[in-house]
Amino acid sequence: NRLRLLDQTLLPACVRFVELRRWTEVVSAITSMRVRGAPAIGLAGAYAVALAAQEFKNLPFQVFSAKLAEAASEISKARPTAVNLSWTVSSVMKASQVGSNPKQVEQILISEAESLEHEELQANRAIGEEGSNFIPYGATVLTHCNSGALATAGFGTALGVIRVAWEKGNLKNVIATETRPLFQGARLTAWELVHIGIPTTLIVDSAAASVLQSGQV
């Protein structure tokens, strides 16, 4: 009956989880970037729809359906640039159309959100396996912003490639840019890579060109 999220705005100084019981709280978490990264935002939105169903489940079915549709519309608008959000909200709402009462709809929504999370994690791992084939032995990789476990279902897309390359023994180290103005690279990527034991050097954004030109990457 709640969604548990890691508050990314507090990283790297503090690791704190928040428990959200209302769909409006999830919308607030998305807009304030407590949860960020298009895949993670999409999954949060899917679970937010399930929380909305829990909130309205004691209403007559017709009123329940109208309220749920209204909430889903608001959730999908929480971050217009995160295309995953509108897609996942639309996906769970479509799946729930076979439900004939609020309780049934609620269970379908939860099940569909869990299924999307599982699929996302599998896709991340597949991206990592495929992409790691392009990283030669002893390579140093430069990465910008954050596209790791924090931004996805728990493994990462671009950082997933880096993680698998490290597991295979091909990767030497990573150079991460700070990524202004919100410092996703300094606060999140560097923290995430160090946390899982991958050697990481943090550089200022304006140093990226010279680092690339020097042949270090």
C-alpha atoms as a PDB file:
ATOM      1  CA  ASN A   1       0.000   0.000   0.000  1.00  0.00           C
ATOM      2  CA  ARG A   2       2.966   2.322  -0.522  1.00  0.00           C
ATOM      3  CA  LEU A   3       5.848   3.038  -2.898  1.00  0.00           C
ATOM      4  CA  ARG A   4       9.340   3.100  -1.409  1.00  0.00           C
ATOM      5  CA  LEU A   5      11.793   5.384  -3.194  1.00  0.00           C
ATOM      6  CA  LEU A   6      15.424   6.333  -2.708  1.00  0.00           C
ATOM      7  CA  ASP A   7      15.539  10.132  -2.413  1.00  0.00           C
ATOM      8  CA  GLN A   8      18.141  11.007  -5.039  1.00  0.00           C
ATOM      9  CA  THR A   9      18.238  14.683  -4.107  1.00  0.00           C
ATOM     10  CA  LEU A  10      20.111  13.784  -0.899  1.00  0.00           C
ATOM     11  CA  LEU A  11      22.871  11.740  -2.547  1.00  0.00           C
ATOM     12  CA  PRO A  12      25.781  11.339  -2.077  1.00  0.00           C
ATOM     13  CA  ALA A  13      25.823  12.736   1.468  1.00  0.00           C
ATOM     14  CA  CYS A  14      22.812  10.817   2.706  1.00  0.00           C
ATOM     15  CA  VAL A  15      21.075   7.570   1.689  1.00  0.00           C
ATOM     16  CA  ARG A  16      17.427   7.903   2.675  1.00  0.00           C
ATOM     17  CA  PHE A  17      14.300   6.129   1.488  1.00  0.00           C
ATOM     18  CA  VAL A  18      10.862   7.736   1.496  1.00  0.00           C
ATOM     19  CA  GLU A  19       7.528   5.899   1.627  1.00  0.00           C
ATOM     20  CA  LEU A  20       4.762   7.404  -0.481  1.00  0.00           C
ATOM     21  CA  ARG A  21       1.150   6.359   0.107  1.00  0.00           C
ATOM     22  CA  ARG A  22      -0.698   8.749  -2.234  1.00  0.00           C
ATOM     23  CA  TRP A  23      -0.374   9.151  -5.983  1.00  0.00           C
ATOM     24  CA  THR A  24      -0.002  12.912  -5.574  1.00  0.00           C
ATOM     25  CA  GLU A  25       3.117  12.307  -3.439  1.00  0.00           C
ATOM     26  CA  VAL A  26       4.648  10.326  -6.310  1.00  0.00           C
ATOM     27  CA  VAL A  27       3.891  13.180  -8.721  1.00  0.00           C
ATOM     28  CA  SER A  28       5.660  15.527  -6.304  1.00  0.00           C
ATOM     29  CA  ALA A  29       8.641  13.153  -6.083  1.00  0.00           C
ATOM     30  CA  ILE A  30       8.897  13.133  -9.887  1.00  0.00           C
ATOM     31  CA  THR A  31       8.663  16.909 -10.312  1.00  0.00           C
ATOM     32  CA  SER A  32      11.182  17.541  -7.510  1.00  0.00           C
ATOM     33  CA  MET A  33      13.584  14.925  -8.974  1.00  0.00           C
ATOM     34  CA  ARG A  34      13.596  12.777  -5.853  1.00  0.00           C
ATOM     35  CA  VAL A  35      13.180  10.076  -8.467  1.00  0.00           C
ATOM     36  CA  ARG A  36      14.771  10.767 -11.860  1.00  0.00           C
ATOM     37  CA  GLY A  37      15.881   9.035 -15.027  1.00  0.00           C
ATOM     38  CA  ALA A  38      13.236   8.266 -17.650  1.00  0.00           C
ATOM     39  CA  PRO A  39      12.931   4.502 -16.940  1.00  0.00           C
ATOM     40  CA  ALA A  40      12.735   5.010 -13.151  1.00  0.00           C
ATOM     41  CA  ILE A  41      10.223   7.845 -13.587  1.00  0.00           C
ATOM     42  CA  GLY A  42       8.119   5.615 -15.832  1.00  0.00           C
ATOM     43  CA  LEU A  43       8.014   2.830 -13.248  1.00  0.00           C
ATOM     44  CA  ALA A  44       7.215   5.289 -10.455  1.00  0.00           C
ATOM     45  CA  GLY A  45       4.326   6.575 -12.578  1.00  0.00           C
ATOM     46  CA  ALA A  46       2.981   3.056 -13.101  1.00  0.00           C
ATOM     47  CA  TYR A  47       2.975   2.422  -9.358  1.00  0.00           C
ATOM     48  CA  ALA A  48       1.409   5.857  -8.789  1.00  0.00           C
ATOM     49  CA  VAL A  49      -1.599   4.757 -10.840  1.00  0.00           C
ATOM     50  CA  ALA A  50      -1.940   1.717  -8.561  1.00  0.00           C
ATOM     51  CA  LEU A  51      -1.825   4.018  -5.516  1.00  0.00           C
ATOM     52  CA  ALA A  52      -4.574   6.125  -7.094  1.00  0.00           C
ATOM     53  CA  ALA A  53      -6.705   2.995  -7.504  1.00  0.00           C
ATOM     54  CA  GLN A  54      -6.188   2.191  -3.812  1.00  0.00           C
ATOM     55  CA  GLU A  55      -7.262   5.709  -2.883  1.00  0.00           C
ATOM     56  CA  PHE A  56     -10.487   5.579  -4.920  1.00  0.00           C
ATOM     57  CA  LYS A  57     -11.408   1.897  -4.434  1.00  0.00           C
ATOM     58  CA  ASN A  58     -14.387   2.569  -2.126  1.00  0.00           C
ATOM     59  CA  LEU A  59     -16.160   4.728  -4.712  1.00  0.00           C
ATOM     60  CA  PRO A  60     -18.844   3.403  -7.086  1.00  0.00           C
ATOM     61  CA  PHE A  61     -17.167   1.794 -10.084  1.00  0.00           C
ATOM     62  CA  GLN A  62     -18.182   4.488 -12.579  1.00  0.00           C
ATOM     63  CA  VAL A  63     -16.924   7.282 -10.305  1.00  0.00           C
ATOM     64  CA  PHE A  64     -13.823   5.213  -9.509  1.00  0.00           C
ATOM     65  CA  SER A  65     -13.031   4.831 -13.216  1.00  0.00           C
ATOM     66  CA  ALA A  66     -13.435   8.550 -13.884  1.00  0.00           C
ATOM     67  CA  LYS A  67     -11.259   9.518 -10.918  1.00  0.00           C
ATOM     68  CA  LEU A  68      -8.598   6.992 -11.906  1.00  0.00           C
ATOM     69  CA  ALA A  69      -8.486   8.294 -15.485  1.00  0.00           C
ATOM     70  CA  GLU A  70      -8.129  11.838 -14.186  1.00  0.00           C
ATOM     71  CA  ALA A  71      -5.283  10.838 -11.852  1.00  0.00           C
ATOM     72  CA  ALA A  72      -3.530   8.906 -14.632  1.00  0.00           C
ATOM     73  CA  SER A  73      -3.657  11.987 -16.834  1.00  0.00           C
ATOM     74  CA  GLU A  74      -2.069  14.115 -14.103  1.00  0.00           C
ATOM     75  CA  ILE A  75       0.614  11.500 -13.427  1.00  0.00           C
ATOM     76  CA  SER A  76       1.590  11.260 -17.095  1.00  0.00           C
ATOM     77  CA  LYS A  77       2.097  15.052 -17.207  1.00  0.00           C
ATOM     78  CA  ALA A  78       4.445  15.140 -14.197  1.00  0.00           C
ATOM     79  CA  ARG A  79       7.551  15.089 -16.432  1.00  0.00           C
ATOM     80  CA  PRO A  80       6.676  15.752 -20.104  1.00  0.00           C
ATOM     81  CA  THR A  81      10.254  15.119 -21.287  1.00  0.00           C
ATOM     82  CA  ALA A  82      10.339  11.584 -19.813  1.00  0.00           C
ATOM     83  CA  VAL A  83       8.584   9.654 -22.581  1.00  0.00           C
ATOM     84  CA  ASN A  84       8.649   6.461 -20.502  1.00  0.00           C
ATOM     85  CA  LEU A  85       6.186   8.057 -18.086  1.00  0.00           C
ATOM     86  CA  SER A  86       3.317   8.559 -20.513  1.00  0.00           C
ATOM     87  CA  TRP A  87       4.011   5.141 -22.050  1.00  0.00           C
ATOM     88  CA  THR A  88       3.936   3.199 -18.762  1.00  0.00           C
ATOM     89  CA  VAL A  89       0.853   5.032 -17.479  1.00  0.00           C
ATOM     90  CA  SER A  90      -0.926   4.314 -20.750  1.00  0.00           C
ATOM     91  CA  SER A  91       0.207   0.688 -20.625  1.00  0.00           C
ATOM     92  CA  VAL A  92      -1.081  -0.049 -17.116  1.00  0.00           C
ATOM     93  CA  MET A  93      -4.335   1.806 -17.760  1.00  0.00           C
ATOM     94  CA  LYS A  94      -4.943  -0.204 -20.920  1.00  0.00           C
ATOM     95  CA  ALA A  95      -4.275  -3.475 -19.091  1.00  0.00           C
ATOM     96  CA  SER A  96      -6.706  -2.501 -16.325  1.00  0.00           C
ATOM     97  CA  GLN A  97      -9.644  -2.084 -18.713  1.00  0.00           C
ATOM     98  CA  VAL A  98     -10.589  -5.751 -18.297  1.00  0.00           C
ATOM     99  CA  GLY A  99     -11.263  -5.160 -14.577  1.00  0.00           C
ATOM    100  CA  SER A 100     -14.940  -5.125 -13.587  1.00  0.00           C
ATOM    101  CA  ASN A 101     -14.589  -3.645 -10.085  1.00  0.00           C
ATOM    102  CA  PRO A 102     -12.150  -1.374  -8.203  1.00  0.00           C
ATOM    103  CA  LYS A 103     -10.384  -4.185  -6.349  1.00  0.00           C
ATOM    104  CA  GLN A 104      -9.788  -6.129  -9.543  1.00  0.00           C
ATOM    105  CA  VAL A 105      -8.508  -3.031 -11.339  1.00  0.00           C
ATOM    106  CA  GLU A 106      -6.161  -2.309  -8.431  1.00  0.00           C
ATOM    107  CA  GLN A 107      -4.666  -5.809  -8.563  1.00  0.00           C
ATOM    108  CA  ILE A 108      -4.221  -5.636 -12.341  1.00  0.00           C
ATOM    109  CA  LEU A 109      -2.440  -2.291 -12.027  1.00  0.00           C
ATOM    110  CA  ILE A 110      -0.032  -3.602  -9.379  1.00  0.00           C
ATOM    111  CA  SER A 111       0.671  -6.752 -11.385  1.00  0.00           C
ATOM    112  CA  GLU A 112       1.245  -4.783 -14.588  1.00  0.00           C
ATOM    113  CA  ALA A 113       3.590  -2.313 -12.856  1.00  0.00           C
ATOM    114  CA  GLU A 114       5.608  -5.210 -11.401  1.00  0.00           C
ATOM    115  CA  SER A 115       5.764  -6.815 -14.845  1.00  0.00           C
ATOM    116  CA  LEU A 116       7.066  -3.575 -16.393  1.00  0.00           C
ATOM    117  CA  GLU A 117       9.727  -3.334 -13.682  1.00  0.00           C
ATOM    118  CA  HIS A 118      10.851  -6.913 -14.370  1.00  0.00           C
ATOM    119  CA  GLU A 119      10.960  -6.303 -18.127  1.00  0.00           C
ATOM    120  CA  GLU A 120      12.979  -3.108 -17.636  1.00  0.00           C
ATOM    121  CA  LEU A 121      15.553  -4.924 -15.508  1.00  0.00           C
ATOM    122  CA  GLN A 122      15.893  -7.697 -18.105  1.00  0.00           C
ATOM    123  CA  ALA A 123      16.269  -5.123 -20.903  1.00  0.00           C
ATOM    124  CA  ASN A 124      18.965  -3.296 -18.915  1.00  0.00           C
ATOM    125  CA  ARG A 125      20.967  -6.478 -18.510  1.00  0.00           C
ATOM    126  CA  ALA A 126      20.590  -7.296 -22.225  1.00  0.00           C
ATOM    127  CA  ILE A 127      21.814  -3.787 -23.157  1.00  0.00           C
ATOM    128  CA  GLY A 128      24.786  -4.275 -20.831  1.00  0.00           C
ATOM    129  CA  GLU A 129      25.719  -7.644 -22.345  1.00  0.00           C
ATOM    130  CA  GLU A 130      25.398  -6.381 -25.918  1.00  0.00           C
ATOM    131  CA  GLY A 131      27.107  -3.032 -25.376  1.00  0.00           C
ATOM    132  CA  SER A 132      30.024  -4.458 -23.405  1.00  0.00           C
ATOM    133  CA  ASN A 133      31.202  -6.223 -26.574  1.00  0.00           C
ATOM    134  CA  PHE A 134      32.248  -2.810 -27.909  1.00  0.00           C
ATOM    135  CA  ILE A 135      34.541  -2.058 -24.965  1.00  0.00           C
ATOM    136  CA  PRO A 136      38.040  -3.473 -25.549  1.00  0.00           C
ATOM    137  CA  TYR A 137      40.319  -4.893 -22.873  1.00  0.00           C
ATOM    138  CA  GLY A 138      41.990  -2.233 -20.717  1.00  0.00           C
ATOM    139  CA  ALA A 139      39.601   0.512 -21.820  1.00  0.00           C
ATOM    140  CA  THR A 140      38.854   3.784 -20.058  1.00  0.00           C
ATOM    141  CA  VAL A 141      35.312   5.041 -20.649  1.00  0.00           C
ATOM    142  CA  LEU A 142      33.981   8.593 -20.245  1.00  0.00           C
ATOM    143  CA  THR A 143      30.343   8.979 -19.240  1.00  0.00           C
ATOM    144  CA  HIS A 144      28.065  12.006 -18.844  1.00  0.00           C
ATOM    145  CA  CYS A 145      25.008  12.504 -16.587  1.00  0.00           C
ATOM    146  CA  ASN A 146      23.526   9.387 -14.945  1.00  0.00           C
ATOM    147  CA  SER A 147      22.041   6.364 -16.664  1.00  0.00           C
ATOM    148  CA  GLY A 148      22.727   3.706 -14.066  1.00  0.00           C
ATOM    149  CA  ALA A 149      20.782   1.732 -11.490  1.00  0.00           C
ATOM    150  CA  LEU A 150      19.477   4.960  -9.954  1.00  0.00           C
ATOM    151  CA  ALA A 151      17.866   6.038 -13.221  1.00  0.00           C
ATOM    152  CA  THR A 152      16.359   2.673 -14.156  1.00  0.00           C
ATOM    153  CA  ALA A 153      14.898  -0.448 -12.582  1.00  0.00           C
ATOM    154  CA  GLY A 154      18.153  -1.171 -10.794  1.00  0.00           C
ATOM    155  CA  PHE A 155      20.973  -1.983 -13.247  1.00  0.00           C
ATOM    156  CA  GLY A 156      21.394   0.793 -15.799  1.00  0.00           C
ATOM    157  CA  THR A 157      21.544   1.391 -19.543  1.00  0.00           C
ATOM    158  CA  ALA A 158      24.821   3.164 -20.405  1.00  0.00           C
ATOM    159  CA  LEU A 159      26.197   2.365 -16.943  1.00  0.00           C
ATOM    160  CA  GLY A 160      24.857  -1.165 -17.414  1.00  0.00           C
ATOM    161  CA  VAL A 161      27.275  -1.512 -20.325  1.00  0.00           C
ATOM    162  CA  ILE A 162      30.069  -0.247 -18.088  1.00  0.00           C
ATOM    163  CA  ARG A 163      29.097  -2.645 -15.279  1.00  0.00           C
ATOM    164  CA  VAL A 164      29.130  -5.717 -17.527  1.00  0.00           C
ATOM    165  CA  ALA A 165      32.440  -4.646 -19.114  1.00  0.00           C
ATOM    166  CA  TRP A 166      33.861  -4.391 -15.588  1.00  0.00           C
ATOM    167  CA  GLU A 167      32.476  -7.837 -14.689  1.00  0.00           C
ATOM    168  CA  LYS A 168      34.165  -9.280 -17.799  1.00  0.00           C
ATOM    169  CA  GLY A 169      37.499  -7.732 -16.800  1.00  0.00           C
ATOM    170  CA  ASN A 170      37.716  -5.453 -19.851  1.00  0.00           C
ATOM    171  CA  LEU A 171      37.283  -2.090 -18.162  1.00  0.00           C
ATOM    172  CA  LYS A 172      40.231  -0.280 -16.568  1.00  0.00           C
ATOM    173  CA  ASN A 173      38.435   2.756 -15.132  1.00  0.00           C
ATOM    174  CA  VAL A 174      35.715   5.350 -15.758  1.00  0.00           C
ATOM    175  CA  ILE A 175      35.945   9.116 -16.132  1.00  0.00           C
ATOM    176  CA  ALA A 176      32.687  10.807 -15.126  1.00  0.00           C
ATOM    177  CA  THR A 177      31.749  14.409 -15.852  1.00  0.00           C
ATOM    178  CA  GLU A 178      30.069  16.439 -13.110  1.00  0.00           C
ATOM    179  CA  THR A 179      27.022  17.228 -15.322  1.00  0.00           C
ATOM    180  CA  ARG A 180      25.908  20.717 -14.352  1.00  0.00           C
ATOM    181  CA  PRO A 181      23.645  22.298 -13.218  1.00  0.00           C
ATOM    182  CA  LEU A 182      22.247  19.456 -11.051  1.00  0.00           C
ATOM    183  CA  PHE A 183      25.493  17.440 -10.915  1.00  0.00           C
ATOM    184  CA  GLN A 184      23.992  14.045 -11.749  1.00  0.00           C
ATOM    185  CA  GLY A 185      27.479  12.876 -12.701  1.00  0.00           C
ATOM    186  CA  ALA A 186      29.189  14.104  -9.549  1.00  0.00           C
ATOM    187  CA  ARG A 187      26.394  13.259  -7.104  1.00  0.00           C
ATOM    188  CA  LEU A 188      24.980  10.088  -8.665  1.00  0.00           C
ATOM    189  CA  THR A 189      27.189   8.420 -11.282  1.00  0.00           C
ATOM    190  CA  ALA A 190      30.425   8.789  -9.310  1.00  0.00           C
ATOM    191  CA  TRP A 191      28.688   7.604  -6.124  1.00  0.00           C
ATOM    192  CA  GLU A 192      27.098   4.654  -7.919  1.00  0.00           C
ATOM    193  CA  LEU A 193      30.325   3.487  -9.589  1.00  0.00           C
ATOM    194  CA  VAL A 194      32.430   3.813  -6.435  1.00  0.00           C
ATOM    195  CA  HIS A 195      29.667   2.042  -4.487  1.00  0.00           C
ATOM    196  CA  ILE A 196      29.985  -1.039  -6.735  1.00  0.00           C
ATOM    197  CA  GLY A 197      33.794  -0.925  -6.764  1.00  0.00           C
ATOM    198  CA  ILE A 198      34.591   0.488 -10.206  1.00  0.00           C
ATOM    199  CA  PRO A 199      37.599   2.905 -10.251  1.00  0.00           C
ATOM    200  CA  THR A 200      36.217   6.342 -11.141  1.00  0.00           C
ATOM    201  CA  THR A 201      37.718   9.771 -11.787  1.00  0.00           C
ATOM    202  CA  LEU A 202      35.447  12.820 -11.600  1.00  0.00           C
ATOM    203  CA  ILE A 203      36.205  15.763 -13.896  1.00  0.00           C
ATOM    204  CA  VAL A 204      34.576  19.135 -14.489  1.00  0.00           C
ATOM    205  CA  ASP A 205      32.383  19.312 -17.597  1.00  0.00           C
ATOM    206  CA  SER A 206      34.682  21.775 -19.360  1.00  0.00           C
ATOM    207  CA  ALA A 207      37.589  19.293 -19.123  1.00  0.00           C
ATOM    208  CA  ALA A 208      35.841  16.623 -21.222  1.00  0.00           C
ATOM    209  CA  ALA A 209      37.115  17.881 -24.590  1.00  0.00           C
ATOM    210  CA  SER A 210      40.764  18.003 -23.530  1.00  0.00           C
ATOM    211  CA  VAL A 211      40.519  14.578 -21.857  1.00  0.00           C
ATOM    212  CA  LEU A 212      39.135  13.109 -25.084  1.00  0.00           C
ATOM    213  CA  GLN A 213      41.753  14.905 -27.207  1.00  0.00           C
ATOM    214  CA  SER A 214      44.561  13.599 -24.991  1.00  0.00           C
ATOM    215  CA  GLY A 215      43.649  10.027 -25.864  1.00  0.00           C
ATOM    216  CA  GLN A 216      42.863   8.967 -22.295  1.00  0.00           C
ATOM    217  CA  VAL A 217      39.430   7.696 -23.356  1.00  0.00           C
END
